[in-house]
Structure formats: structure tokens, C-alpha cells
Amino acid sequence: EMFSPAGRLEWVVNAPECIYDTFKGVANSSGHLQVQTGDGKFRTDGDGFLWQQSEQKLNISNNVCTVIENGAAITIKP
């Protein structure tokens, strides 16, 4: 979970089988990934992923499904 400075829930990420390398700032898994905004209006999930913290880059490999509801406000900070 990621919260704004004001304490508002911004993102929820669920990856039950995730390996995170703290030195490289990389998380990956061949398992399932679910990501959604705090209000639930943007959500995506799939199987297999690579997160590169330094580049703020997320690649989801397979069975990707994304839902963006009307009124979704998505802010991705560099």
C-alpha cells in the first residue's frame, strides 16, 4: 500500500509470490500481480512481472487485464 502525505490511500499492490532485491531496487515474480488505485477506479492484473524502481517501470508479462473507470484520476510520479 502507498499513501499520500495527507494519509489518503493511493495505490494497493498485491503479489503473493514476489522477490525484491533491495540493492538493485527490482521486484519480480512469475506469479500473479494485482495493482489498483486507492479508489479502485484503475486496476490492472496479470501473471509474471518485473518492477524496476529506479526507472519507475512495471512490465506485466501475461494475461494482462486493465480496467479504467470513468472519473479515474491517475498520477504517476517520476
C-alpha atoms as a PDB file:
ATOM      1  CA  GLU A   1       0.000   0.000   0.000  1.00  0.00           C
ATOM      2  CA  MET A   2       1.143   3.542  -0.752  1.00  0.00           C
ATOM      3  CA  PHE A   3      -0.327   6.593   0.956  1.00  0.00           C
ATOM      4  CA  SER A   4      -0.201  10.310   0.168  1.00  0.00           C
ATOM      5  CA  PRO A   5       1.451  12.663   2.693  1.00  0.00           C
ATOM      6  CA  ALA A   6      -2.096  13.510   3.864  1.00  0.00           C
ATOM      7  CA  GLY A   7      -2.741   9.815   4.612  1.00  0.00           C
ATOM      8  CA  ARG A   8      -5.015   9.058   1.637  1.00  0.00           C
ATOM      9  CA  LEU A   9      -4.658   5.572   0.139  1.00  0.00           C
ATOM     10  CA  GLU A  10      -3.194   5.985  -3.371  1.00  0.00           C
ATOM     11  CA  TRP A  11      -2.121   2.512  -4.562  1.00  0.00           C
ATOM     12  CA  VAL A  12      -2.612  -1.103  -3.479  1.00  0.00           C
ATOM     13  CA  VAL A  13      -0.300  -3.772  -4.900  1.00  0.00           C
ATOM     14  CA  ASN A  14      -0.714  -7.482  -4.215  1.00  0.00           C
ATOM     15  CA  ALA A  15       1.890 -10.006  -5.361  1.00  0.00           C
ATOM     16  CA  PRO A  16       1.840 -13.130  -3.175  1.00  0.00           C
ATOM     17  CA  GLU A  17       4.999 -14.635  -4.742  1.00  0.00           C
ATOM     18  CA  CYS A  18       7.321 -11.662  -5.119  1.00  0.00           C
ATOM     19  CA  ILE A  19      11.100 -11.436  -4.811  1.00  0.00           C
ATOM     20  CA  TYR A  20      12.516  -7.963  -4.068  1.00  0.00           C
ATOM     21  CA  ASP A  21      16.218  -7.171  -4.441  1.00  0.00           C
ATOM     22  CA  THR A  22      16.836  -4.202  -2.134  1.00  0.00           C
ATOM     23  CA  PHE A  23      20.281  -3.468  -3.629  1.00  0.00           C
ATOM     24  CA  LYS A  24      19.058  -3.332  -7.235  1.00  0.00           C
ATOM     25  CA  GLY A  25      15.581  -1.962  -6.465  1.00  0.00           C
ATOM     26  CA  VAL A  26      13.959  -4.689  -8.552  1.00  0.00           C
ATOM     27  CA  ALA A  27      10.894  -6.806  -7.772  1.00  0.00           C
ATOM     28  CA  ASN A  28       9.778  -9.736  -9.896  1.00  0.00           C
ATOM     29  CA  SER A  29       7.655 -12.833  -9.959  1.00  0.00           C
ATOM     30  CA  SER A  30       6.239 -15.376 -12.359  1.00  0.00           C
ATOM     31  CA  GLY A  31       3.103 -15.352 -10.199  1.00  0.00           C
ATOM     32  CA  HIS A  32       0.002 -13.185 -10.214  1.00  0.00           C
ATOM     33  CA  LEU A  33       0.058  -9.405  -9.677  1.00  0.00           C
ATOM     34  CA  GLN A  34      -2.831  -7.077  -8.827  1.00  0.00           C
ATOM     35  CA  VAL A  35      -2.465  -3.272  -8.798  1.00  0.00           C
ATOM     36  CA  GLN A  36      -5.188  -0.704  -8.174  1.00  0.00           C
ATOM     37  CA  THR A  37      -5.624   2.913  -7.192  1.00  0.00           C
ATOM     38  CA  GLY A  38      -6.947   3.702  -3.740  1.00  0.00           C
ATOM     39  CA  ASP A  39     -10.404   4.474  -5.125  1.00  0.00           C
ATOM     40  CA  GLY A  40     -10.400   1.280  -7.227  1.00  0.00           C
ATOM     41  CA  LYS A  41     -11.193   3.134 -10.476  1.00  0.00           C
ATOM     42  CA  PHE A  42      -7.967   1.976 -12.130  1.00  0.00           C
ATOM     43  CA  ARG A  43      -6.863  -1.603 -11.761  1.00  0.00           C
ATOM     44  CA  THR A  44      -4.666  -4.000 -13.647  1.00  0.00           C
ATOM     45  CA  ASP A  45      -3.577  -7.547 -13.083  1.00  0.00           C
ATOM     46  CA  GLY A  46      -1.635 -10.265 -14.836  1.00  0.00           C
ATOM     47  CA  ASP A  47       0.840 -13.098 -14.472  1.00  0.00           C
ATOM     48  CA  GLY A  48       4.565 -12.506 -14.306  1.00  0.00           C
ATOM     49  CA  PHE A  49       6.046  -9.056 -13.761  1.00  0.00           C
ATOM     50  CA  LEU A  50       9.206  -7.016 -13.382  1.00  0.00           C
ATOM     51  CA  TRP A  51       9.265  -3.741 -11.390  1.00  0.00           C
ATOM     52  CA  GLN A  52      12.342  -1.510 -11.777  1.00  0.00           C
ATOM     53  CA  GLN A  53      12.267   1.110  -9.037  1.00  0.00           C
ATOM     54  CA  SER A  54      14.993   3.370 -10.475  1.00  0.00           C
ATOM     55  CA  GLU A  55      13.080   3.693 -13.757  1.00  0.00           C
ATOM     56  CA  GLN A  56       9.608   3.602 -12.159  1.00  0.00           C
ATOM     57  CA  LYS A  57       8.816   0.925 -14.724  1.00  0.00           C
ATOM     58  CA  LEU A  58       6.436  -2.028 -14.418  1.00  0.00           C
ATOM     59  CA  ASN A  59       6.252  -4.755 -17.068  1.00  0.00           C
ATOM     60  CA  ILE A  60       3.475  -7.337 -16.794  1.00  0.00           C
ATOM     61  CA  SER A  61       4.096 -10.370 -18.985  1.00  0.00           C
ATOM     62  CA  ASN A  62       0.964 -12.463 -19.485  1.00  0.00           C
ATOM     63  CA  ASN A  63      -2.829 -12.492 -19.171  1.00  0.00           C
ATOM     64  CA  VAL A  64      -2.938  -8.738 -18.580  1.00  0.00           C
ATOM     65  CA  CYS A  65      -6.307  -7.123 -17.911  1.00  0.00           C
ATOM     66  CA  THR A  66      -6.726  -3.392 -17.197  1.00  0.00           C
ATOM     67  CA  VAL A  67      -9.906  -1.557 -16.198  1.00  0.00           C
ATOM     68  CA  ILE A  68     -10.140   2.247 -16.184  1.00  0.00           C
ATOM     69  CA  GLU A  69     -13.463   3.530 -14.902  1.00  0.00           C
ATOM     70  CA  ASN A  70     -14.958   6.901 -15.760  1.00  0.00           C
ATOM     71  CA  GLY A  71     -13.515   9.566 -13.473  1.00  0.00           C
ATOM     72  CA  ALA A  72     -10.287   7.716 -12.708  1.00  0.00           C
ATOM     73  CA  ALA A  73      -7.508  10.091 -11.713  1.00  0.00           C
ATOM     74  CA  ILE A  74      -4.098   8.504 -12.172  1.00  0.00           C
ATOM     75  CA  THR A  75      -0.944  10.282 -11.022  1.00  0.00           C
ATOM     76  CA  ILE A  76       2.390   8.578 -11.583  1.00  0.00           C
ATOM     77  CA  LYS A  77       5.318  10.438 -10.105  1.00  0.00           C
ATOM     78  CA  PRO A  78       8.844  10.111 -11.556  1.00  0.00           C
END
